[in-house]
C-alpha cells in the first residue's frame, strides 16, 4: 500500500470519523501535503492543520483551510476551538498525527524537547502511548546523512515516533539521493497502518 492510488472505500474505512492532526514544517515538499490533507478529508476524517511560520512561506494557510474545511493553527497563541490552551485540548482529542514535511530542524526540536513553535508545542502534548505520531522526513541528501540527523532519528524511534520514508530521488536542490519526502499516497497508507495497530 505504499504507492499508487488507494481505494476510496478502504480510505473511508480507515479514516472515516477519525480526528487527525497534520503538522506542516517549512520545506519545498509542503505542496505535497495538500494532497494528503485532501485525501484524508475526502475519506471522512476531521483534519486539523498546524503550520510552522516557515511552512506558511511555501503554501498559504488558506489552502489547507479550504482543503480541510477547518481553521489552520499557525501560532501557539491562538485559541480557535477551546478556551483551554490549544496544545492541550487539540493534542488530547486527536486519533493520530502526521508531520510532513518533517524537516531536519523539526527532528532536532523533537529529539531535544523544544516547544517554541505551534507544531512542536502541539506534539509535546500528544500522549504517544495512545496516539500515534507519524513523521515524514524531507531534506537535502547531505542534511539527511548528517550524524546529528541520524542520531535524532534513532532517539525519536526510541521515543515512540513512527516514520515513513524518506525516499530516494531527485530533490529541489538539483541533487539525487535519500531525503525526498514520501509521496502522499505512501504517507496516507502509512498513517492508516499506524492507526490500525
N, C-alpha and C. Protein backbone atom coordinates (compact mmCIF):
# COMPACT_ATOMS: atom_id res chain seq x y z
N UNK A 1 0.81 -1.21 0.00
CA UNK A 1 0.00 0.00 0.00
C UNK A 1 0.85 1.26 0.00
N UNK A 2 2.09 1.16 -0.36
CA UNK A 2 2.98 2.31 -0.27
C UNK A 2 2.97 3.17 -1.51
N UNK A 3 2.31 2.75 -2.56
CA UNK A 3 2.31 3.56 -3.77
C UNK A 3 0.98 3.43 -4.46
N UNK A 4 0.76 4.29 -5.48
CA UNK A 4 -0.46 4.24 -6.25
C UNK A 4 -1.62 4.82 -5.48
N UNK A 5 -2.76 4.86 -6.17
CA UNK A 5 -3.96 5.40 -5.54
C UNK A 5 -4.55 4.38 -4.59
N UNK A 6 -5.11 4.85 -3.52
CA UNK A 6 -5.76 3.98 -2.56
C UNK A 6 -7.26 3.98 -2.84
N UNK A 7 -7.87 2.84 -2.66
CA UNK A 7 -9.30 2.69 -2.89
C UNK A 7 -10.08 3.60 -1.94
N UNK A 8 -11.01 4.41 -2.47
CA UNK A 8 -11.80 5.31 -1.61
C UNK A 8 -12.54 4.56 -0.50
N UNK A 9 -12.99 3.34 -0.78
CA UNK A 9 -13.70 2.57 0.26
C UNK A 9 -12.75 2.19 1.38
N UNK A 10 -11.52 1.82 1.01
CA UNK A 10 -10.51 1.49 2.03
C UNK A 10 -10.19 2.72 2.87
N UNK A 11 -10.02 3.85 2.20
CA UNK A 11 -9.73 5.10 2.92
C UNK A 11 -10.85 5.45 3.88
N UNK A 12 -12.09 5.29 3.43
CA UNK A 12 -13.24 5.62 4.28
C UNK A 12 -13.28 4.71 5.50
N UNK A 13 -12.93 3.43 5.31
CA UNK A 13 -12.92 2.50 6.44
C UNK A 13 -11.83 2.87 7.43
N UNK A 14 -10.67 3.31 6.91
CA UNK A 14 -9.54 3.62 7.79
C UNK A 14 -9.71 4.96 8.50
N UNK A 15 -10.25 5.94 7.79
CA UNK A 15 -10.20 7.31 8.30
C UNK A 15 -11.55 7.95 8.59
N UNK A 16 -12.63 7.34 8.17
CA UNK A 16 -13.95 7.93 8.40
C UNK A 16 -14.21 8.17 9.87
N UNK A 17 -14.54 9.40 10.22
CA UNK A 17 -14.84 9.75 11.61
C UNK A 17 -13.62 9.95 12.49
N UNK A 18 -12.43 9.73 11.96
CA UNK A 18 -11.21 9.93 12.76
C UNK A 18 -10.88 11.41 12.86
N UNK A 19 -10.32 11.79 13.99
CA UNK A 19 -9.85 13.16 14.18
C UNK A 19 -8.33 13.13 14.02
N UNK A 20 -7.84 13.84 13.02
CA UNK A 20 -6.42 13.78 12.68
C UNK A 20 -5.81 15.17 12.70
N UNK A 21 -4.56 15.21 13.10
CA UNK A 21 -3.79 16.45 13.11
C UNK A 21 -2.66 16.31 12.10
N UNK A 22 -2.58 17.25 11.17
CA UNK A 22 -1.50 17.27 10.19
C UNK A 22 -0.63 18.48 10.52
N UNK A 23 0.62 18.22 10.89
CA UNK A 23 1.56 19.27 11.24
C UNK A 23 2.52 19.47 10.07
N UNK A 24 2.68 20.72 9.65
CA UNK A 24 3.45 21.02 8.45
C UNK A 24 4.62 21.93 8.80
N UNK A 25 5.82 21.50 8.42
CA UNK A 25 7.02 22.30 8.64
C UNK A 25 7.49 22.89 7.32
N UNK A 26 8.44 23.80 7.40
CA UNK A 26 8.86 24.56 6.24
C UNK A 26 9.84 23.83 5.34
N UNK A 27 9.38 23.43 4.18
CA UNK A 27 10.21 22.79 3.18
C UNK A 27 9.45 22.77 1.87
N UNK A 28 10.16 22.62 0.78
CA UNK A 28 9.52 22.69 -0.53
C UNK A 28 8.46 21.61 -0.70
N UNK A 29 8.57 20.51 0.03
CA UNK A 29 7.60 19.42 -0.09
C UNK A 29 6.24 19.76 0.51
N UNK A 30 6.09 20.96 1.07
CA UNK A 30 4.79 21.36 1.62
C UNK A 30 3.68 21.17 0.60
N UNK A 31 3.98 21.43 -0.66
CA UNK A 31 2.92 21.36 -1.67
C UNK A 31 2.31 19.96 -1.75
N UNK A 32 3.10 18.92 -1.46
CA UNK A 32 2.57 17.55 -1.50
C UNK A 32 1.57 17.29 -0.37
N UNK A 33 1.71 18.03 0.72
CA UNK A 33 0.85 17.79 1.88
C UNK A 33 -0.59 18.21 1.58
N UNK A 34 -0.78 19.09 0.61
CA UNK A 34 -2.13 19.45 0.22
C UNK A 34 -2.90 18.22 -0.23
N UNK A 35 -2.22 17.32 -0.95
CA UNK A 35 -2.87 16.08 -1.39
C UNK A 35 -3.18 15.18 -0.20
N UNK A 36 -2.27 15.11 0.78
CA UNK A 36 -2.52 14.30 1.97
C UNK A 36 -3.77 14.79 2.69
N UNK A 37 -3.85 16.09 2.92
CA UNK A 37 -5.00 16.67 3.63
C UNK A 37 -6.28 16.42 2.84
N UNK A 38 -6.22 16.61 1.54
CA UNK A 38 -7.41 16.40 0.70
C UNK A 38 -7.89 14.96 0.75
N UNK A 39 -6.95 14.02 0.63
CA UNK A 39 -7.33 12.60 0.67
C UNK A 39 -7.99 12.23 2.00
N UNK A 40 -7.40 12.71 3.09
CA UNK A 40 -7.94 12.38 4.41
C UNK A 40 -9.32 12.99 4.61
N UNK A 41 -9.49 14.24 4.17
CA UNK A 41 -10.79 14.90 4.30
C UNK A 41 -11.84 14.19 3.45
N UNK A 42 -11.48 13.82 2.23
CA UNK A 42 -12.42 13.12 1.36
C UNK A 42 -12.81 11.76 1.92
N UNK A 43 -11.92 11.17 2.71
CA UNK A 43 -12.20 9.88 3.32
C UNK A 43 -13.10 9.99 4.55
N UNK A 44 -13.45 11.21 4.92
CA UNK A 44 -14.35 11.40 6.05
C UNK A 44 -13.68 11.73 7.36
N UNK A 45 -12.37 11.98 7.33
CA UNK A 45 -11.67 12.36 8.56
C UNK A 45 -11.90 13.83 8.87
N UNK A 46 -11.85 14.17 10.13
CA UNK A 46 -11.85 15.57 10.56
C UNK A 46 -10.38 15.97 10.69
N UNK A 47 -9.91 16.77 9.75
CA UNK A 47 -8.48 17.09 9.67
C UNK A 47 -8.23 18.51 10.16
N UNK A 48 -7.35 18.62 11.14
CA UNK A 48 -6.89 19.92 11.60
C UNK A 48 -5.44 20.09 11.20
N UNK A 49 -5.10 21.26 10.69
CA UNK A 49 -3.75 21.53 10.22
C UNK A 49 -3.08 22.56 11.12
N UNK A 50 -1.82 22.31 11.44
CA UNK A 50 -0.97 23.28 12.14
C UNK A 50 0.27 23.50 11.30
N UNK A 51 0.70 24.75 11.18
CA UNK A 51 1.84 25.09 10.32
C UNK A 51 2.85 25.93 11.08
N UNK A 52 4.13 25.62 10.88
CA UNK A 52 5.17 26.49 11.41
C UNK A 52 5.19 27.78 10.59
N UNK A 53 5.78 28.85 11.13
CA UNK A 53 5.87 30.10 10.35
C UNK A 53 6.57 29.90 9.01
N UNK A 54 7.60 29.07 8.98
CA UNK A 54 8.31 28.87 7.70
C UNK A 54 7.46 28.09 6.71
N UNK A 55 6.59 27.21 7.19
CA UNK A 55 5.72 26.47 6.27
C UNK A 55 4.78 27.41 5.53
N UNK A 56 4.34 28.47 6.21
CA UNK A 56 3.41 29.40 5.57
C UNK A 56 4.06 30.21 4.46
N UNK A 57 5.39 30.19 4.40
CA UNK A 57 6.10 30.89 3.32
C UNK A 57 6.02 30.11 2.01
N UNK A 58 5.79 28.80 2.10
CA UNK A 58 5.73 27.94 0.92
C UNK A 58 4.30 27.83 0.38
N UNK A 59 3.33 27.59 1.27
CA UNK A 59 1.92 27.49 0.89
C UNK A 59 1.11 28.23 1.96
N UNK A 60 0.17 29.03 1.53
CA UNK A 60 -0.62 29.84 2.46
C UNK A 60 -1.56 28.96 3.29
N UNK A 61 -1.79 29.32 4.55
CA UNK A 61 -2.73 28.56 5.37
C UNK A 61 -4.12 28.45 4.75
N UNK A 62 -4.51 29.43 3.97
CA UNK A 62 -5.83 29.41 3.34
C UNK A 62 -6.02 28.16 2.47
N UNK A 63 -4.95 27.69 1.85
CA UNK A 63 -5.03 26.47 1.04
C UNK A 63 -5.48 25.29 1.89
N UNK A 64 -4.87 25.13 3.05
CA UNK A 64 -5.20 24.00 3.91
C UNK A 64 -6.53 24.19 4.61
N UNK A 65 -6.92 25.43 4.86
CA UNK A 65 -8.24 25.69 5.42
C UNK A 65 -9.32 25.27 4.42
N UNK A 66 -9.10 25.59 3.14
CA UNK A 66 -10.06 25.21 2.11
C UNK A 66 -10.14 23.69 1.97
N UNK A 67 -9.01 23.02 2.00
CA UNK A 67 -9.00 21.57 1.81
C UNK A 67 -9.57 20.82 3.01
N UNK A 68 -9.31 21.32 4.20
CA UNK A 68 -9.77 20.62 5.41
C UNK A 68 -11.15 21.07 5.86
N UNK A 69 -11.53 22.29 5.47
CA UNK A 69 -12.78 22.84 5.95
C UNK A 69 -12.72 23.28 7.40
N UNK A 70 -11.51 23.46 7.91
CA UNK A 70 -11.32 23.82 9.32
C UNK A 70 -10.27 24.90 9.46
N UNK A 71 -10.28 25.62 10.59
CA UNK A 71 -9.24 26.63 10.82
C UNK A 71 -7.86 26.00 10.86
N UNK A 72 -6.86 26.78 10.49
CA UNK A 72 -5.47 26.34 10.50
C UNK A 72 -4.74 27.06 11.62
N UNK A 73 -3.99 26.30 12.41
CA UNK A 73 -3.22 26.86 13.52
C UNK A 73 -1.83 27.27 13.03
N UNK A 74 -1.46 28.51 13.27
CA UNK A 74 -0.15 28.99 12.85
C UNK A 74 0.65 29.61 13.98
N UNK A 75 0.08 29.74 15.15
CA UNK A 75 0.77 30.34 16.28
C UNK A 75 0.32 29.67 17.58
N UNK A 76 1.20 29.58 18.56
CA UNK A 76 0.81 29.00 19.85
C UNK A 76 -0.20 29.84 20.61
N UNK A 77 -0.44 31.06 20.18
CA UNK A 77 -1.25 31.99 20.96
C UNK A 77 -2.72 32.01 20.57
N UNK A 78 -3.09 31.25 19.54
CA UNK A 78 -4.49 31.20 19.13
C UNK A 78 -5.27 30.21 20.00
N UNK A 79 -6.52 30.54 20.26
CA UNK A 79 -7.45 29.63 20.93
C UNK A 79 -8.68 29.55 20.05
N UNK A 80 -8.60 28.74 19.02
CA UNK A 80 -9.63 28.74 18.00
C UNK A 80 -10.88 27.99 18.44
N UNK A 81 -10.70 26.82 19.00
CA UNK A 81 -11.87 25.97 19.27
C UNK A 81 -12.07 25.64 20.75
N UNK A 82 -11.25 26.17 21.61
CA UNK A 82 -11.37 25.84 23.02
C UNK A 82 -10.83 26.99 23.86
N UNK A 83 -11.39 27.14 25.05
CA UNK A 83 -10.85 28.12 25.98
C UNK A 83 -9.61 27.58 26.68
N UNK A 84 -9.43 26.27 26.63
CA UNK A 84 -8.23 25.67 27.19
C UNK A 84 -7.05 25.96 26.27
N UNK A 85 -5.83 25.88 26.79
CA UNK A 85 -4.67 26.02 25.90
C UNK A 85 -4.79 25.04 24.74
N UNK A 86 -4.65 25.54 23.51
CA UNK A 86 -4.91 24.70 22.35
C UNK A 86 -4.01 23.48 22.28
N UNK A 87 -2.76 23.61 22.77
CA UNK A 87 -1.88 22.46 22.65
C UNK A 87 -2.32 21.31 23.55
N UNK A 88 -3.12 21.61 24.58
CA UNK A 88 -3.65 20.56 25.43
C UNK A 88 -4.95 20.02 24.85
N UNK A 89 -5.89 20.91 24.55
CA UNK A 89 -7.21 20.46 24.10
C UNK A 89 -7.14 19.77 22.75
N UNK A 90 -6.38 20.31 21.82
CA UNK A 90 -6.30 19.71 20.49
C UNK A 90 -5.49 18.42 20.52
N UNK A 91 -4.34 18.45 21.17
CA UNK A 91 -3.47 17.27 21.18
C UNK A 91 -4.12 16.07 21.87
N UNK A 92 -4.97 16.34 22.84
CA UNK A 92 -5.59 15.23 23.57
C UNK A 92 -6.85 14.71 22.90
N UNK A 93 -7.29 15.37 21.83
CA UNK A 93 -8.56 14.97 21.21
C UNK A 93 -8.40 14.30 19.86
N UNK A 94 -7.16 14.14 19.38
CA UNK A 94 -6.97 13.55 18.05
C UNK A 94 -6.64 12.06 18.15
N UNK A 95 -6.95 11.35 17.06
CA UNK A 95 -6.68 9.92 16.99
C UNK A 95 -5.31 9.60 16.40
N UNK A 96 -4.76 10.54 15.65
CA UNK A 96 -3.46 10.32 15.02
C UNK A 96 -2.89 11.61 14.51
N UNK A 97 -1.57 11.63 14.34
CA UNK A 97 -0.86 12.84 13.91
C UNK A 97 0.13 12.44 12.81
N UNK A 98 0.24 13.30 11.80
CA UNK A 98 1.30 13.14 10.81
C UNK A 98 2.04 14.47 10.70
N UNK A 99 3.36 14.41 10.64
CA UNK A 99 4.20 15.59 10.48
C UNK A 99 4.88 15.49 9.12
N UNK A 100 4.51 16.38 8.21
CA UNK A 100 5.03 16.33 6.84
C UNK A 100 5.02 17.72 6.22
N UNK A 101 6.10 18.16 5.63
CA UNK A 101 7.41 17.54 5.71
C UNK A 101 8.00 17.73 7.11
N UNK A 102 8.65 16.70 7.60
CA UNK A 102 9.35 16.79 8.88
C UNK A 102 10.81 17.13 8.57
N UNK A 103 11.16 18.36 8.78
CA UNK A 103 12.48 18.87 8.40
C UNK A 103 13.57 18.44 9.38
N UNK A 104 14.80 18.67 8.98
CA UNK A 104 15.94 18.42 9.87
C UNK A 104 15.78 19.21 11.16
N UNK A 105 15.33 20.45 11.04
CA UNK A 105 15.13 21.30 12.21
C UNK A 105 14.05 20.73 13.13
N UNK A 106 12.95 20.26 12.55
CA UNK A 106 11.88 19.70 13.37
C UNK A 106 12.34 18.44 14.08
N UNK A 107 13.08 17.59 13.39
CA UNK A 107 13.62 16.39 14.03
C UNK A 107 14.46 16.75 15.24
N UNK A 108 15.31 17.77 15.08
CA UNK A 108 16.17 18.20 16.18
C UNK A 108 15.36 18.76 17.33
N UNK A 109 14.34 19.53 17.02
CA UNK A 109 13.49 20.10 18.08
C UNK A 109 12.78 19.00 18.86
N UNK A 110 12.22 18.04 18.14
CA UNK A 110 11.51 16.96 18.81
C UNK A 110 12.45 16.10 19.65
N UNK A 111 13.65 15.84 19.13
CA UNK A 111 14.60 14.98 19.84
C UNK A 111 15.11 15.62 21.12
N UNK A 112 15.10 16.95 21.16
CA UNK A 112 15.64 17.65 22.33
C UNK A 112 14.54 18.30 23.18
N UNK A 113 13.28 18.09 22.81
CA UNK A 113 12.18 18.57 23.64
C UNK A 113 11.89 20.05 23.54
N UNK A 114 12.27 20.68 22.44
CA UNK A 114 11.96 22.11 22.27
C UNK A 114 10.52 22.28 21.81
N UNK A 115 9.89 23.36 22.30
CA UNK A 115 8.47 23.59 22.00
C UNK A 115 8.23 25.06 21.68
N UNK A 116 9.04 25.60 20.77
CA UNK A 116 8.97 27.04 20.54
C UNK A 116 8.24 27.44 19.26
N UNK A 117 7.46 26.52 18.68
CA UNK A 117 6.52 26.91 17.62
C UNK A 117 5.26 26.08 17.82
N UNK A 118 4.22 26.39 17.05
CA UNK A 118 2.93 25.73 17.28
C UNK A 118 3.00 24.23 17.04
N UNK A 119 3.80 23.80 16.07
CA UNK A 119 3.89 22.38 15.76
C UNK A 119 4.55 21.61 16.89
N UNK A 120 5.73 22.03 17.33
CA UNK A 120 6.40 21.29 18.40
C UNK A 120 5.66 21.40 19.72
N UNK A 121 4.97 22.51 19.95
CA UNK A 121 4.18 22.64 21.17
C UNK A 121 3.02 21.65 21.16
N UNK A 122 2.32 21.54 20.04
CA UNK A 122 1.24 20.56 19.94
C UNK A 122 1.77 19.14 20.11
N UNK A 123 2.88 18.84 19.45
CA UNK A 123 3.42 17.49 19.53
C UNK A 123 3.88 17.13 20.94
N UNK A 124 4.32 18.13 21.69
CA UNK A 124 4.76 17.86 23.06
C UNK A 124 3.62 17.42 23.96
N UNK A 125 2.39 17.74 23.57
CA UNK A 125 1.22 17.42 24.40
C UNK A 125 0.49 16.16 23.94
N UNK A 126 1.00 15.50 22.90
CA UNK A 126 0.39 14.26 22.42
C UNK A 126 0.92 13.08 23.24
N UNK A 127 0.02 12.29 23.79
CA UNK A 127 0.40 11.07 24.52
C UNK A 127 0.62 9.97 23.49
N UNK A 128 1.86 9.67 23.15
CA UNK A 128 2.15 8.70 22.10
C UNK A 128 1.86 7.27 22.53
N UNK A 129 1.55 7.04 23.79
CA UNK A 129 1.09 5.72 24.22
C UNK A 129 -0.31 5.44 23.70
N UNK A 130 -1.06 6.52 23.44
CA UNK A 130 -2.44 6.39 22.97
C UNK A 130 -2.62 6.86 21.53
N UNK A 131 -1.81 7.81 21.13
CA UNK A 131 -1.99 8.47 19.83
C UNK A 131 -0.71 8.39 19.01
N UNK A 132 -0.73 7.67 17.89
CA UNK A 132 0.49 7.55 17.08
C UNK A 132 0.84 8.87 16.40
N UNK A 133 2.15 9.12 16.30
CA UNK A 133 2.68 10.29 15.60
C UNK A 133 3.60 9.79 14.51
N UNK A 134 3.22 10.06 13.27
CA UNK A 134 3.96 9.60 12.10
C UNK A 134 4.77 10.76 11.53
N UNK A 135 6.08 10.58 11.40
CA UNK A 135 6.96 11.60 10.86
C UNK A 135 7.34 11.23 9.43
N UNK A 136 7.24 12.22 8.53
CA UNK A 136 7.62 12.03 7.13
C UNK A 136 8.78 12.96 6.82
N UNK A 137 10.02 12.51 7.07
CA UNK A 137 11.17 13.38 6.89
C UNK A 137 11.34 13.84 5.44
N UNK A 138 11.88 15.05 5.30
CA UNK A 138 12.16 15.61 3.98
C UNK A 138 13.30 16.62 4.12
N UNK A 139 14.38 16.36 3.36
CA UNK A 139 15.52 17.28 3.41
C UNK A 139 16.51 16.90 2.33
N UNK A 140 17.49 17.76 2.13
CA UNK A 140 18.58 17.52 1.21
C UNK A 140 19.35 16.26 1.59
N UNK A 141 19.92 15.59 0.59
CA UNK A 141 20.62 14.33 0.82
C UNK A 141 21.76 14.49 1.83
N UNK A 142 22.48 15.60 1.78
CA UNK A 142 23.57 15.83 2.72
C UNK A 142 23.05 16.05 4.13
N UNK A 143 21.93 16.79 4.25
CA UNK A 143 21.33 17.02 5.56
C UNK A 143 20.85 15.71 6.17
N UNK A 144 20.27 14.83 5.33
CA UNK A 144 19.81 13.53 5.83
C UNK A 144 20.97 12.69 6.35
N UNK A 145 22.12 12.78 5.69
CA UNK A 145 23.27 11.95 6.06
C UNK A 145 24.04 12.49 7.26
N UNK A 146 23.73 13.68 7.73
CA UNK A 146 24.48 14.25 8.85
C UNK A 146 24.36 13.37 10.09
N UNK A 147 25.46 13.19 10.82
CA UNK A 147 25.39 12.40 12.05
C UNK A 147 24.33 12.90 13.02
N UNK A 148 24.15 14.20 13.10
CA UNK A 148 23.14 14.74 14.03
C UNK A 148 21.75 14.28 13.64
N UNK A 149 21.45 14.29 12.34
CA UNK A 149 20.13 13.85 11.89
C UNK A 149 19.93 12.38 12.20
N UNK A 150 20.90 11.55 11.89
CA UNK A 150 20.76 10.12 12.15
C UNK A 150 20.66 9.83 13.66
N UNK A 151 21.38 10.61 14.45
CA UNK A 151 21.29 10.47 15.91
C UNK A 151 19.88 10.84 16.39
N UNK A 152 19.33 11.92 15.83
CA UNK A 152 17.99 12.34 16.22
C UNK A 152 16.93 11.32 15.79
N UNK A 153 17.12 10.72 14.61
CA UNK A 153 16.19 9.69 14.15
C UNK A 153 16.17 8.52 15.14
N UNK A 154 17.34 8.07 15.54
CA UNK A 154 17.42 6.95 16.49
C UNK A 154 16.74 7.31 17.81
N UNK A 155 16.95 8.54 18.26
CA UNK A 155 16.33 8.96 19.52
C UNK A 155 14.81 9.00 19.40
N UNK A 156 14.33 9.52 18.29
CA UNK A 156 12.88 9.64 18.11
C UNK A 156 12.23 8.27 17.95
N UNK A 157 12.91 7.34 17.29
CA UNK A 157 12.38 5.97 17.22
C UNK A 157 12.29 5.37 18.62
N UNK A 158 13.31 5.60 19.43
CA UNK A 158 13.30 5.10 20.81
C UNK A 158 12.20 5.76 21.63
N UNK A 159 11.87 7.01 21.28
CA UNK A 159 10.83 7.76 21.99
C UNK A 159 9.42 7.39 21.54
N UNK A 160 9.31 6.52 20.54
CA UNK A 160 7.99 6.04 20.15
C UNK A 160 7.37 6.69 18.93
N UNK A 161 8.13 7.49 18.19
CA UNK A 161 7.62 8.06 16.95
C UNK A 161 7.69 7.02 15.84
N UNK A 162 6.75 7.10 14.89
CA UNK A 162 6.77 6.26 13.71
C UNK A 162 7.29 7.08 12.53
N UNK A 163 7.83 6.38 11.52
CA UNK A 163 8.41 7.06 10.35
C UNK A 163 7.88 6.47 9.06
N UNK A 164 7.77 7.33 8.05
CA UNK A 164 7.55 6.89 6.68
C UNK A 164 8.57 7.64 5.82
N UNK A 165 9.39 6.88 5.09
CA UNK A 165 10.43 7.49 4.28
C UNK A 165 11.61 7.94 5.13
N UNK A 166 12.46 8.78 4.55
CA UNK A 166 12.32 9.37 3.22
C UNK A 166 12.72 8.42 2.11
N UNK A 167 12.39 8.82 0.87
CA UNK A 167 12.74 8.01 -0.28
C UNK A 167 13.95 8.56 -0.99
N UNK A 168 14.31 7.88 -2.05
CA UNK A 168 15.41 8.32 -2.91
C UNK A 168 14.82 8.99 -4.15
N UNK A 169 15.57 9.94 -4.70
CA UNK A 169 15.12 10.55 -5.94
C UNK A 169 15.65 11.95 -6.12
N UNK A 170 15.13 12.60 -7.13
CA UNK A 170 15.51 13.97 -7.46
C UNK A 170 14.99 14.93 -6.40
N UNK A 171 15.83 15.87 -6.01
CA UNK A 171 15.47 16.83 -4.98
C UNK A 171 15.49 18.24 -5.55
N UNK A 172 14.79 19.13 -4.88
CA UNK A 172 14.69 20.50 -5.35
C UNK A 172 16.04 21.21 -5.42
N UNK A 173 17.03 20.70 -4.67
CA UNK A 173 18.37 21.27 -4.70
C UNK A 173 19.18 20.81 -5.91
N UNK A 174 18.52 20.07 -6.80
CA UNK A 174 19.13 19.54 -8.03
C UNK A 174 20.11 18.41 -7.77
N UNK A 175 19.94 17.74 -6.62
CA UNK A 175 20.73 16.56 -6.32
C UNK A 175 19.82 15.35 -6.33
N UNK A 176 20.40 14.18 -6.39
CA UNK A 176 19.65 12.93 -6.35
C UNK A 176 20.17 12.10 -5.18
N UNK A 177 19.26 11.61 -4.37
CA UNK A 177 19.68 10.80 -3.23
C UNK A 177 18.56 10.66 -2.22
N UNK A 178 18.91 10.17 -1.04
CA UNK A 178 17.93 9.96 0.03
C UNK A 178 17.60 11.28 0.71
N UNK A 179 16.35 11.45 1.03
CA UNK A 179 15.90 12.66 1.70
C UNK A 179 14.59 13.18 1.14
N UNK A 180 14.18 12.67 -0.01
CA UNK A 180 12.94 13.10 -0.64
C UNK A 180 11.74 12.62 0.17
N UNK A 181 10.81 13.51 0.46
CA UNK A 181 9.64 13.12 1.24
C UNK A 181 8.84 12.06 0.50
N UNK A 182 8.29 11.11 1.24
CA UNK A 182 7.44 10.09 0.65
C UNK A 182 6.27 10.74 -0.08
N UNK A 183 5.77 10.06 -1.09
CA UNK A 183 4.64 10.57 -1.84
C UNK A 183 3.38 10.55 -0.98
N UNK A 184 2.40 11.40 -1.30
CA UNK A 184 1.18 11.48 -0.48
C UNK A 184 0.51 10.13 -0.26
N UNK A 185 0.44 9.31 -1.30
CA UNK A 185 -0.21 8.01 -1.15
C UNK A 185 0.49 7.14 -0.11
N UNK A 186 1.82 7.20 -0.09
CA UNK A 186 2.58 6.41 0.88
C UNK A 186 2.36 6.94 2.29
N UNK A 187 2.27 8.25 2.43
CA UNK A 187 2.04 8.83 3.76
C UNK A 187 0.65 8.45 4.27
N UNK A 188 -0.35 8.55 3.42
CA UNK A 188 -1.71 8.18 3.81
C UNK A 188 -1.76 6.70 4.18
N UNK A 189 -1.13 5.85 3.39
CA UNK A 189 -1.12 4.41 3.69
C UNK A 189 -0.42 4.13 5.01
N UNK A 190 0.70 4.78 5.25
CA UNK A 190 1.44 4.57 6.50
C UNK A 190 0.64 5.04 7.70
N UNK A 191 -0.07 6.16 7.55
CA UNK A 191 -0.90 6.65 8.64
C UNK A 191 -2.01 5.66 8.94
N UNK A 192 -2.63 5.10 7.88
CA UNK A 192 -3.64 4.07 8.10
C UNK A 192 -3.08 2.88 8.84
N UNK A 193 -1.83 2.53 8.52
CA UNK A 193 -1.20 1.40 9.18
C UNK A 193 -0.98 1.63 10.67
N UNK A 194 -0.48 2.80 11.04
CA UNK A 194 -0.22 3.04 12.45
C UNK A 194 -1.52 3.22 13.23
N UNK A 195 -2.55 3.74 12.58
CA UNK A 195 -3.83 3.89 13.26
C UNK A 195 -4.49 2.53 13.52
N UNK A 196 -4.20 1.55 12.68
CA UNK A 196 -4.85 0.24 12.81
C UNK A 196 -4.20 -0.63 13.87
N UNK A 197 -3.06 -0.20 14.42
CA UNK A 197 -2.38 -1.01 15.42
C UNK A 197 -3.20 -1.10 16.69
